[in-house]
Amino acid sequence: MGSFYFTGKTPTVQTLSNITHATGDQDVKLTLTSDDGTWDAYVDFIEFSL
């Protein structure tokens, strides 16, 4: 499990290191934990690498 965060409107690159997981298919869950009521949080892209 890992976590990352950002604020503002500028795109950022977030790296999660030393993540361990079981073999096989894995689920990725993104959770929005705060909002000002506009629900304007967007994910432009997610990149996974081994």
PDB file of N, CA and C in Angstrom:
ATOM      1  N   MET A   1       0.847  -1.160   0.000  1.00  0.00           N
ATOM      2  CA  MET A   1       0.000   0.000   0.000  1.00  0.00           C
ATOM      3  C   MET A   1       0.898   1.230   0.000  1.00  0.00           C
ATOM      4  N   GLY A   2       0.495   2.247  -0.724  1.00  0.00           N
ATOM      5  CA  GLY A   2       1.218   3.507  -0.743  1.00  0.00           C
ATOM      6  C   GLY A   2       0.239   4.644  -0.875  1.00  0.00           C
ATOM      7  N   SER A   3       0.721   5.837  -0.665  1.00  0.00           N
ATOM      8  CA  SER A   3      -0.160   6.994  -0.809  1.00  0.00           C
ATOM      9  C   SER A   3       0.621   8.160  -1.388  1.00  0.00           C
ATOM     10  N   PHE A   4      -0.089   9.053  -2.032  1.00  0.00           N
ATOM     11  CA  PHE A   4       0.491  10.267  -2.568  1.00  0.00           C
ATOM     12  C   PHE A   4      -0.572  11.337  -2.548  1.00  0.00           C
ATOM     13  N   TYR A   5      -0.164  12.570  -2.714  1.00  0.00           N
ATOM     14  CA  TYR A   5      -1.125  13.663  -2.715  1.00  0.00           C
ATOM     15  C   TYR A   5      -0.572  14.822  -3.526  1.00  0.00           C
ATOM     16  N   PHE A   6      -1.433  15.719  -3.908  1.00  0.00           N
ATOM     17  CA  PHE A   6      -1.023  16.941  -4.573  1.00  0.00           C
ATOM     18  C   PHE A   6      -2.071  18.001  -4.317  1.00  0.00           C
ATOM     19  N   THR A   7      -1.675  19.229  -4.516  1.00  0.00           N
ATOM     20  CA  THR A   7      -2.598  20.353  -4.411  1.00  0.00           C
ATOM     21  C   THR A   7      -2.368  21.267  -5.597  1.00  0.00           C
ATOM     22  N   GLY A   8      -3.318  22.102  -5.865  1.00  0.00           N
ATOM     23  CA  GLY A   8      -3.173  23.056  -6.953  1.00  0.00           C
ATOM     24  C   GLY A   8      -3.621  22.495  -8.281  1.00  0.00           C
ATOM     25  N   LYS A   9      -3.215  23.160  -9.352  1.00  0.00           N
ATOM     26  CA  LYS A   9      -3.651  22.787 -10.694  1.00  0.00           C
ATOM     27  C   LYS A   9      -2.500  22.367 -11.591  1.00  0.00           C
ATOM     28  N   THR A  10      -1.291  22.289 -11.037  1.00  0.00           N
ATOM     29  CA  THR A  10      -0.123  21.927 -11.819  1.00  0.00           C
ATOM     30  C   THR A  10       0.072  20.415 -11.793  1.00  0.00           C
ATOM     31  N   PRO A  11       0.234  19.778 -12.968  1.00  0.00           N
ATOM     32  CA  PRO A  11       0.477  18.335 -12.985  1.00  0.00           C
ATOM     33  C   PRO A  11       1.756  17.989 -12.229  1.00  0.00           C
ATOM     34  N   THR A  12       1.749  16.852 -11.571  1.00  0.00           N
ATOM     35  CA  THR A  12       2.922  16.386 -10.837  1.00  0.00           C
ATOM     36  C   THR A  12       3.192  14.924 -11.152  1.00  0.00           C
ATOM     37  N   VAL A  13       4.406  14.504 -10.905  1.00  0.00           N
ATOM     38  CA  VAL A  13       4.783  13.100 -11.000  1.00  0.00           C
ATOM     39  C   VAL A  13       5.027  12.612  -9.583  1.00  0.00           C
ATOM     40  N   GLN A  14       4.340  11.548  -9.212  1.00  0.00           N
ATOM     41  CA  GLN A  14       4.479  10.968  -7.880  1.00  0.00           C
ATOM     42  C   GLN A  14       5.045   9.561  -8.039  1.00  0.00           C
ATOM     43  N   THR A  15       6.050   9.234  -7.261  1.00  0.00           N
ATOM     44  CA  THR A  15       6.657   7.910  -7.305  1.00  0.00           C
ATOM     45  C   THR A  15       6.436   7.209  -5.969  1.00  0.00           C
ATOM     46  N   LEU A  16       5.905   6.010  -6.036  1.00  0.00           N
ATOM     47  CA  LEU A  16       5.742   5.179  -4.838  1.00  0.00           C
ATOM     48  C   LEU A  16       6.817   4.102  -4.897  1.00  0.00           C
ATOM     49  N   SER A  17       7.713   4.090  -3.933  1.00  0.00           N
ATOM     50  CA  SER A  17       8.834   3.149  -3.920  1.00  0.00           C
ATOM     51  C   SER A  17       8.614   2.059  -2.875  1.00  0.00           C
ATOM     52  N   ASN A  18       9.329   0.953  -3.072  1.00  0.00           N
ATOM     53  CA  ASN A  18       9.323  -0.165  -2.118  1.00  0.00           C
ATOM     54  C   ASN A  18       7.924  -0.698  -1.839  1.00  0.00           C
ATOM     55  N   ILE A  19       7.125  -0.797  -2.880  1.00  0.00           N
ATOM     56  CA  ILE A  19       5.778  -1.354  -2.758  1.00  0.00           C
ATOM     57  C   ILE A  19       5.869  -2.856  -3.006  1.00  0.00           C
ATOM     58  N   THR A  20       5.371  -3.652  -2.082  1.00  0.00           N
ATOM     59  CA  THR A  20       5.337  -5.099  -2.262  1.00  0.00           C
ATOM     60  C   THR A  20       3.885  -5.549  -2.372  1.00  0.00           C
ATOM     61  N   HIS A  21       3.673  -6.597  -3.139  1.00  0.00           N
ATOM     62  CA  HIS A  21       2.317  -7.103  -3.335  1.00  0.00           C
ATOM     63  C   HIS A  21       2.378  -8.571  -3.716  1.00  0.00           C
ATOM     64  N   ALA A  22       1.260  -9.212  -3.633  1.00  0.00           N
ATOM     65  CA  ALA A  22       1.157 -10.610  -4.033  1.00  0.00           C
ATOM     66  C   ALA A  22       1.266 -10.706  -5.550  1.00  0.00           C
ATOM     67  N   THR A  23       1.519 -11.903  -6.040  1.00  0.00           N
ATOM     68  CA  THR A  23       1.570 -12.103  -7.480  1.00  0.00           C
ATOM     69  C   THR A  23       0.154 -12.150  -8.038  1.00  0.00           C
ATOM     70  N   GLY A  24       0.046 -12.015  -9.342  1.00  0.00           N
ATOM     71  CA  GLY A  24      -1.258 -12.066  -9.995  1.00  0.00           C
ATOM     72  C   GLY A  24      -1.866 -10.689 -10.145  1.00  0.00           C
ATOM     73  N   ASP A  25      -3.122 -10.662 -10.510  1.00  0.00           N
ATOM     74  CA  ASP A  25      -3.835  -9.408 -10.722  1.00  0.00           C
ATOM     75  C   ASP A  25      -3.919  -8.609  -9.428  1.00  0.00           C
ATOM     76  N   GLN A  26      -3.796  -7.303  -9.547  1.00  0.00           N
ATOM     77  CA  GLN A  26      -3.880  -6.409  -8.394  1.00  0.00           C
ATOM     78  C   GLN A  26      -4.867  -5.294  -8.708  1.00  0.00           C
ATOM     79  N   ASP A  27      -5.605  -4.856  -7.723  1.00  0.00           N
ATOM     80  CA  ASP A  27      -6.513  -3.721  -7.864  1.00  0.00           C
ATOM     81  C   ASP A  27      -5.803  -2.449  -7.432  1.00  0.00           C
ATOM     82  N   VAL A  28      -6.066  -1.374  -8.158  1.00  0.00           N
ATOM     83  CA  VAL A  28      -5.554  -0.053  -7.785  1.00  0.00           C
ATOM     84  C   VAL A  28      -6.755   0.806  -7.444  1.00  0.00           C
ATOM     85  N   LYS A  29      -6.739   1.423  -6.282  1.00  0.00           N
ATOM     86  CA  LYS A  29      -7.863   2.232  -5.825  1.00  0.00           C
ATOM     87  C   LYS A  29      -7.375   3.650  -5.570  1.00  0.00           C
ATOM     88  N   LEU A  30      -8.005   4.615  -6.213  1.00  0.00           N
ATOM     89  CA  LEU A  30      -7.729   6.026  -5.966  1.00  0.00           C
ATOM     90  C   LEU A  30      -8.905   6.598  -5.196  1.00  0.00           C
ATOM     91  N   THR A  31      -8.628   7.266  -4.094  1.00  0.00           N
ATOM     92  CA  THR A  31      -9.673   7.807  -3.238  1.00  0.00           C
ATOM     93  C   THR A  31      -9.491   9.304  -3.082  1.00  0.00           C
ATOM     94  N   LEU A  32     -10.516  10.065  -3.392  1.00  0.00           N
ATOM     95  CA  LEU A  32     -10.515  11.509  -3.177  1.00  0.00           C
ATOM     96  C   LEU A  32     -10.947  11.760  -1.741  1.00  0.00           C
ATOM     97  N   THR A  33     -10.072  12.370  -0.945  1.00  0.00           N
ATOM     98  CA  THR A  33     -10.362  12.525   0.478  1.00  0.00           C
ATOM     99  C   THR A  33     -10.843  13.913   0.862  1.00  0.00           C
ATOM    100  N   SER A  34     -10.769  14.856  -0.049  1.00  0.00           N
ATOM    101  CA  SER A  34     -11.306  16.192   0.250  1.00  0.00           C
ATOM    102  C   SER A  34     -11.732  16.848  -1.052  1.00  0.00           C
ATOM    103  N   ASP A  35     -12.741  17.671  -0.969  1.00  0.00           N
ATOM    104  CA  ASP A  35     -13.257  18.353  -2.150  1.00  0.00           C
ATOM    105  C   ASP A  35     -14.012  19.584  -1.677  1.00  0.00           C
ATOM    106  N   ASP A  36     -14.067  20.593  -2.533  1.00  0.00           N
ATOM    107  CA  ASP A  36     -14.780  21.822  -2.165  1.00  0.00           C
ATOM    108  C   ASP A  36     -16.214  21.834  -2.677  1.00  0.00           C
ATOM    109  N   GLY A  37     -16.695  20.656  -3.091  1.00  0.00           N
ATOM    110  CA  GLY A  37     -18.064  20.551  -3.571  1.00  0.00           C
ATOM    111  C   GLY A  37     -18.206  20.614  -5.077  1.00  0.00           C
ATOM    112  N   THR A  38     -17.109  20.890  -5.795  1.00  0.00           N
ATOM    113  CA  THR A  38     -17.193  20.997  -7.251  1.00  0.00           C
ATOM    114  C   THR A  38     -16.895  19.684  -7.960  1.00  0.00           C
ATOM    115  N   TRP A  39     -16.344  18.726  -7.263  1.00  0.00           N
ATOM    116  CA  TRP A  39     -15.965  17.439  -7.842  1.00  0.00           C
ATOM    117  C   TRP A  39     -15.204  17.625  -9.149  1.00  0.00           C
ATOM    118  N   ASP A  40     -14.168  18.451  -9.086  1.00  0.00           N
ATOM    119  CA  ASP A  40     -13.378  18.742 -10.274  1.00  0.00           C
ATOM    120  C   ASP A  40     -11.984  18.120 -10.209  1.00  0.00           C
ATOM    121  N   ALA A  41     -11.856  17.006  -9.523  1.00  0.00           N
ATOM    122  CA  ALA A  41     -10.577  16.290  -9.457  1.00  0.00           C
ATOM    123  C   ALA A  41     -10.491  15.346 -10.653  1.00  0.00           C
ATOM    124  N   TYR A  42      -9.402  15.450 -11.403  1.00  0.00           N
ATOM    125  CA  TYR A  42      -9.222  14.636 -12.601  1.00  0.00           C
ATOM    126  C   TYR A  42      -7.889  13.903 -12.531  1.00  0.00           C
ATOM    127  N   VAL A  43      -7.836  12.711 -13.083  1.00  0.00           N
ATOM    128  CA  VAL A  43      -6.590  11.971 -13.254  1.00  0.00           C
ATOM    129  C   VAL A  43      -6.304  11.966 -14.744  1.00  0.00           C
ATOM    130  N   ASP A  44      -5.209  12.610 -15.138  1.00  0.00           N
ATOM    131  CA  ASP A  44      -4.850  12.655 -16.552  1.00  0.00           C
ATOM    132  C   ASP A  44      -4.265  11.336 -17.029  1.00  0.00           C
ATOM    133  N   PHE A  45      -3.375  10.762 -16.230  1.00  0.00           N
ATOM    134  CA  PHE A  45      -2.845   9.454 -16.580  1.00  0.00           C
ATOM    135  C   PHE A  45      -2.198   8.804 -15.367  1.00  0.00           C
ATOM    136  N   ILE A  46      -2.087   7.486 -15.423  1.00  0.00           N
ATOM    137  CA  ILE A  46      -1.385   6.702 -14.411  1.00  0.00           C
ATOM    138  C   ILE A  46      -0.420   5.798 -15.164  1.00  0.00           C
ATOM    139  N   GLU A  47       0.816   5.764 -14.719  1.00  0.00           N
ATOM    140  CA  GLU A  47       1.827   4.925 -15.357  1.00  0.00           C
ATOM    141  C   GLU A  47       2.346   3.913 -14.348  1.00  0.00           C
ATOM    142  N   PHE A  48       2.367   2.656 -14.745  1.00  0.00           N
ATOM    143  CA  PHE A  48       2.895   1.586 -13.908  1.00  0.00           C
ATOM    144  C   PHE A  48       4.156   1.050 -14.561  1.00  0.00           C
ATOM    145  N   SER A  49       5.160   0.773 -13.768  1.00  0.00           N
ATOM    146  CA  SER A  49       6.378   0.165 -14.309  1.00  0.00           C
ATOM    147  C   SER A  49       6.869  -0.905 -13.344  1.00  0.00           C
ATOM    148  N   LEU A  50       7.559  -1.865 -13.885  1.00  0.00           N
ATOM    149  CA  LEU A  50       8.083  -2.977 -13.076  1.00  0.00           C
ATOM    150  C   LEU A  50       9.547  -2.780 -12.821  1.00  0.00           C
TER     151      LEU A  50
END
